[in-house]
Protein backbone atom coordinates (compact mmCIF):
# COMPACT_ATOMS: atom_id res chain seq x y z
CA UNK A 1 9.89 4.66 19.71
CA UNK A 2 9.62 8.37 20.68
CA UNK A 3 7.02 10.54 19.72
CA UNK A 4 7.68 13.89 17.39
CA UNK A 5 6.65 15.50 21.28
CA UNK A 6 9.65 13.22 23.02
CA UNK A 7 11.98 14.05 20.23
CA UNK A 8 11.11 17.81 20.17
CA UNK A 9 11.59 18.31 23.93
CA UNK A 10 14.96 16.53 24.40
CA UNK A 11 16.45 18.62 21.46
CA UNK A 12 15.37 21.70 23.67
CA UNK A 13 16.66 19.75 26.71
CA UNK A 14 19.88 19.12 25.53
CA UNK A 15 20.11 22.39 23.75
CA UNK A 16 19.95 23.92 27.10
CA UNK A 17 22.68 21.58 29.08
CA UNK A 18 24.90 23.18 25.92
CA UNK A 19 24.04 26.36 27.15
CA UNK A 20 24.78 25.73 30.70
CA UNK A 21 28.18 24.43 29.93
CA UNK A 22 29.13 27.20 27.65
CA UNK A 23 28.26 29.86 30.28
CA UNK A 24 30.14 27.82 33.08
CA UNK A 25 32.77 27.53 30.93
CA UNK A 26 33.56 30.95 29.87
CA UNK A 27 31.74 32.17 32.92
CA UNK A 28 30.80 35.05 30.77
CA UNK A 29 26.75 36.50 30.55
CA UNK A 30 25.15 37.52 26.88
CA UNK A 31 21.79 38.38 27.88
CA UNK A 32 20.64 39.20 24.50
CA UNK A 33 22.41 36.07 22.58
CA UNK A 34 21.09 34.42 25.03
CA UNK A 35 17.55 35.44 24.53
CA UNK A 36 17.91 35.00 20.72
CA UNK A 37 18.85 31.26 21.11
CA UNK A 38 15.99 31.12 23.33
CA UNK A 39 13.89 32.48 20.56
CA UNK A 40 15.53 29.98 17.58
CA UNK A 41 14.90 27.48 19.27
CA UNK A 42 11.73 27.99 20.04
CA UNK A 43 10.99 28.55 16.55
CA UNK A 44 12.73 25.59 14.99
CA UNK A 45 11.21 23.34 17.56
CA UNK A 46 7.49 24.32 19.11
CA UNK A 47 5.90 25.11 16.71
CA UNK A 48 6.62 21.40 15.03
CA UNK A 49 5.80 20.36 18.66
CA UNK A 50 2.59 21.71 18.22
CA UNK A 51 1.98 21.36 14.77
CA UNK A 52 2.74 17.55 15.58
CA UNK A 53 0.66 17.22 19.10
CA UNK A 54 -1.99 18.34 17.30
CA UNK A 55 -2.18 15.96 14.72
CA UNK A 56 -0.93 12.92 16.26
CA UNK A 57 -3.79 13.90 19.35
CA UNK A 58 -6.32 13.42 15.87
CA UNK A 59 -4.90 10.68 14.08
CA UNK A 60 -5.00 8.77 17.77
CA UNK A 61 -8.91 8.69 17.29
CA UNK A 62 -8.93 7.03 14.24
CA UNK A 63 -6.88 4.06 16.30
CA UNK A 64 -9.36 4.85 19.42
CA UNK A 65 -10.39 1.17 19.68
CA UNK A 66 -6.59 -0.25 19.89
CA UNK A 67 -5.28 2.22 22.50
CA UNK A 68 -2.99 -0.36 24.15
CA UNK A 69 -1.08 -1.31 20.74
CA UNK A 70 2.03 -0.36 20.16
CA UNK A 71 3.07 1.89 17.02
CA UNK A 72 5.38 0.39 15.23
CA UNK A 73 7.55 3.13 12.24
CA UNK A 74 9.07 1.57 9.40
CA UNK A 75 12.19 2.54 7.80
CA UNK A 76 11.52 5.38 5.31
CA UNK A 77 10.87 5.03 2.18
CA UNK A 78 13.41 5.86 -0.45
CA UNK A 79 11.86 8.06 -3.48
CA UNK A 80 13.42 8.60 -6.81
CA UNK A 81 12.95 12.42 -6.56
CA UNK A 82 12.13 15.08 -3.27
CA UNK A 83 8.47 14.14 -2.19
CA UNK A 84 8.12 18.00 -1.19
CA UNK A 85 8.93 18.49 -4.57
CA UNK A 86 4.81 19.28 -5.50
CA UNK A 87 5.76 19.02 -9.56
CA UNK A 88 7.23 16.39 -9.42
CA UNK A 89 4.96 15.03 -6.88
CA UNK A 90 1.92 15.67 -9.03
CA UNK A 91 3.87 14.15 -12.78
CA UNK A 92 3.97 10.98 -10.69
CA UNK A 93 0.29 11.05 -9.22
CA UNK A 94 -2.82 9.98 -11.58
CA UNK A 95 -4.86 12.58 -9.20
CA UNK A 96 -4.64 15.33 -6.48
CA UNK A 97 -7.55 16.72 -4.59
CA UNK A 98 -8.22 18.62 -1.46
CA UNK A 99 -10.47 16.37 0.97
CA UNK A 100 -12.48 15.55 3.88
CA UNK A 101 -11.52 11.80 5.55
CA UNK A 102 -15.08 10.77 6.64
CA UNK A 103 -14.53 7.39 7.70
CA UNK A 104 -11.98 5.21 8.46
CA UNK A 105 -13.40 1.88 6.60
CA UNK A 106 -10.81 -0.76 8.25
CA UNK A 107 -7.52 -2.13 7.10
CA UNK A 108 -6.87 -4.27 3.83
CA UNK A 109 -4.04 -6.99 3.74
CA UNK A 110 -1.99 -7.74 0.48
CA UNK A 111 -0.85 -11.34 0.30
CA UNK A 112 1.96 -10.99 2.31
CA UNK A 113 -0.56 -9.22 5.09
CA UNK A 114 0.70 -5.93 4.50
CA UNK A 115 -1.67 -3.85 6.30
CA UNK A 116 -3.23 -0.69 4.29
CA UNK A 117 -5.64 1.51 6.29
CA UNK A 118 -8.75 2.15 3.97
CA UNK A 119 -10.33 5.61 4.32
CA UNK A 120 -13.34 6.96 3.09
CA UNK A 121 -12.57 10.63 1.59
CA UNK A 122 -15.19 12.99 0.26
CA UNK A 123 -14.04 14.80 -2.51
CA UNK A 124 -13.92 18.52 -2.32
CA UNK A 125 -12.09 19.60 -4.76
CA UNK A 126 -10.34 18.11 -8.07
CA UNK A 127 -6.89 19.23 -8.00
CA UNK A 128 -6.01 17.18 -11.30
CA UNK A 129 -8.43 14.60 -12.60
CA UNK A 130 -11.78 13.83 -12.02
CA UNK A 131 -12.84 12.22 -9.32
CA UNK A 132 -16.62 11.99 -8.17
CA UNK A 133 -17.49 14.62 -5.55
CA UNK A 134 -21.11 13.22 -5.53
CA UNK A 135 -19.96 10.35 -3.13
CA UNK A 136 -17.36 9.10 -0.69
CA UNK A 137 -14.02 7.80 -2.69
CA UNK A 138 -12.34 4.82 -1.09
CA UNK A 139 -8.45 5.15 -1.00
CA UNK A 140 -6.05 3.33 0.63
CA UNK A 141 -2.67 3.88 2.55
CA UNK A 142 0.79 1.61 3.67
CA UNK A 143 0.43 1.21 7.63
CA UNK A 144 -2.32 0.21 9.84
CA UNK A 145 -3.32 -2.45 12.23
CA UNK A 146 -1.38 -5.95 11.73
CA UNK A 147 -3.51 -9.05 11.33
CA UNK A 148 -2.39 -10.38 14.56
CA UNK A 149 -3.81 -6.68 16.45
CA UNK A 150 -0.39 -7.23 17.65
CA UNK A 151 0.97 -3.44 16.35
CA UNK A 152 -0.01 -0.20 14.33
CA UNK A 153 3.00 -0.17 11.69
CA UNK A 154 3.35 2.55 9.06
CA UNK A 155 5.62 4.88 7.74
CA UNK A 156 4.42 8.14 9.43
CA UNK A 157 1.34 9.22 10.87
CA UNK A 158 -1.97 8.37 8.94
CA UNK A 159 -4.67 10.72 7.72
CA UNK A 160 -6.32 11.50 10.64
CA UNK A 161 -10.59 10.96 10.20
CA UNK A 162 -12.60 14.08 10.47
CA UNK A 163 -9.55 15.91 9.03
CA UNK A 164 -8.68 17.76 5.81
CA UNK A 165 -5.33 17.16 3.41
CA UNK A 166 -4.80 17.94 -0.41
CA UNK A 167 -4.18 14.04 -1.13
CA UNK A 168 -1.33 13.15 -3.82
CA UNK A 169 -2.97 9.54 -5.31
CA UNK A 170 -1.92 7.03 -7.78
CA UNK A 171 -4.37 4.31 -9.31
CA UNK A 172 -2.85 0.96 -9.00
CA UNK A 173 -3.05 -2.10 -11.42
CA UNK A 174 -5.72 -3.73 -8.44
CA UNK A 175 -8.21 -0.65 -9.14
CA UNK A 176 -7.80 0.95 -5.96
CA UNK A 177 -6.63 4.58 -4.73
CA UNK A 178 -3.71 4.71 -2.92
CA UNK A 179 -2.06 7.99 -1.40
CA UNK A 180 2.12 9.11 -2.52
CA UNK A 181 1.21 12.21 -0.51
CA UNK A 182 -0.54 14.12 1.81
CA UNK A 183 -0.80 17.79 3.22
CA UNK A 184 -2.97 18.55 6.04
CA UNK A 185 -5.24 21.40 5.69
CA UNK A 186 -6.25 23.31 9.13
CA UNK A 187 -8.18 25.78 9.69
CA UNK A 188 -10.66 24.99 7.12
CA UNK A 189 -14.46 25.69 7.56
CA UNK A 190 -16.67 23.02 6.35
CA UNK A 191 -13.80 21.91 3.84
CA UNK A 192 -14.95 25.07 1.84
CA UNK A 193 -11.59 24.94 -0.64
CA UNK A 194 -12.54 27.94 -2.97
CA UNK A 195 -13.09 30.16 -0.35
CA UNK A 196 -9.30 29.42 1.16
CA UNK A 197 -8.16 30.24 -2.35
CA UNK A 198 -10.25 33.24 -3.03
CA UNK A 199 -8.96 34.68 0.38
CA UNK A 200 -5.44 35.64 0.47
CA UNK A 201 -5.42 35.69 4.58
CA UNK A 202 -6.78 32.12 4.88
CA UNK A 203 -4.06 30.11 6.80
CA UNK A 204 -4.13 27.61 3.83
CA UNK A 205 -4.41 29.99 1.04
CA UNK A 206 -0.58 29.38 0.21
CA UNK A 207 -0.13 25.90 0.30
CA UNK A 208 -3.69 25.52 -2.19
CA UNK A 209 -2.47 27.58 -4.48
CA UNK A 210 1.23 26.32 -4.73
CA UNK A 211 -0.46 22.60 -5.18
CA UNK A 212 -2.89 23.88 -7.75
CA UNK A 213 -0.18 25.78 -9.91
CA UNK A 214 2.38 22.70 -9.75
CA UNK A 215 -0.24 20.90 -10.87
CA UNK A 216 -1.29 23.31 -14.09
CA UNK A 217 2.57 22.97 -14.20
CA UNK A 218 3.73 19.42 -13.15
CA UNK A 219 7.16 17.62 -14.35
CA UNK A 220 6.24 14.18 -15.97
CA UNK A 221 9.59 13.11 -15.33
CA UNK A 222 8.35 10.26 -13.20
CA UNK A 223 4.87 9.89 -13.85
CA UNK A 224 3.70 6.33 -14.14
CA UNK A 225 4.39 4.67 -17.61
CA UNK A 226 1.11 2.87 -17.24
CA UNK A 227 -1.70 4.97 -16.78
CA UNK A 228 -4.84 3.61 -14.82
CA UNK A 229 -8.48 5.11 -14.73
CA UNK A 230 -9.67 4.81 -11.33
CA UNK A 231 -13.71 3.48 -10.83
CA UNK A 232 -13.99 6.72 -9.22
CA UNK A 233 -13.54 9.02 -12.02
CA UNK A 234 -16.03 11.06 -13.89
CA UNK A 235 -14.92 9.89 -17.13
CA UNK A 236 -14.80 5.82 -16.29
CA UNK A 237 -16.31 3.22 -17.89
CA UNK A 238 -15.77 -0.57 -18.63
CA UNK A 239 -13.60 0.23 -21.16
CA UNK A 240 -10.68 2.88 -20.06
CA UNK A 241 -9.89 -0.54 -17.74
CA UNK A 242 -9.13 -2.58 -20.72
């Protein structure tokens, strides 16, 4: 399975080869146009290449004890809606938080031996809902080391220990919090979300503001039919689980 870096490099190489063939075939030089094409290729592929390289490097640290295991990317999950529509994703989630992934706490398996990586996340700010900010919150996401320790399976690169994210979470019937969607928060100083929201020049200001406003104006077209309350909710009582 090719990595994002290898895919980006392959696209750049194919683009360069096509440009060279066109140049030989037409026997004309378009210096200005060629420079423009190269700039466009760099903008389209180099920046994602850098971001994926950074994210994959951090992500790999979460599985440092399994350096020899291959990673198997499963078929993409099919949503009933565009998962990048933050208003719909907010409506489909029970909680939205800005959080710091403090620890990779292991792998849980369901009755079919499906792996779920378990994290302890420090809630930096509630965007939707009222999860505690006083103690780490246990969250899970599909993917991780298989029970027989033969490979790592996932849909996308899993959240990285030590990194910050906006997390869209659903509280399932088993009482656990599962990740629906993540947005990486780069360049956060000591997890100061309020500072990033208040400072328009902060690199994460626009993303955080968009997430907050989307929650305030969420679209509940795909909201869960059953509302489960997490044990980490500040309003949790035994009655809320009945």
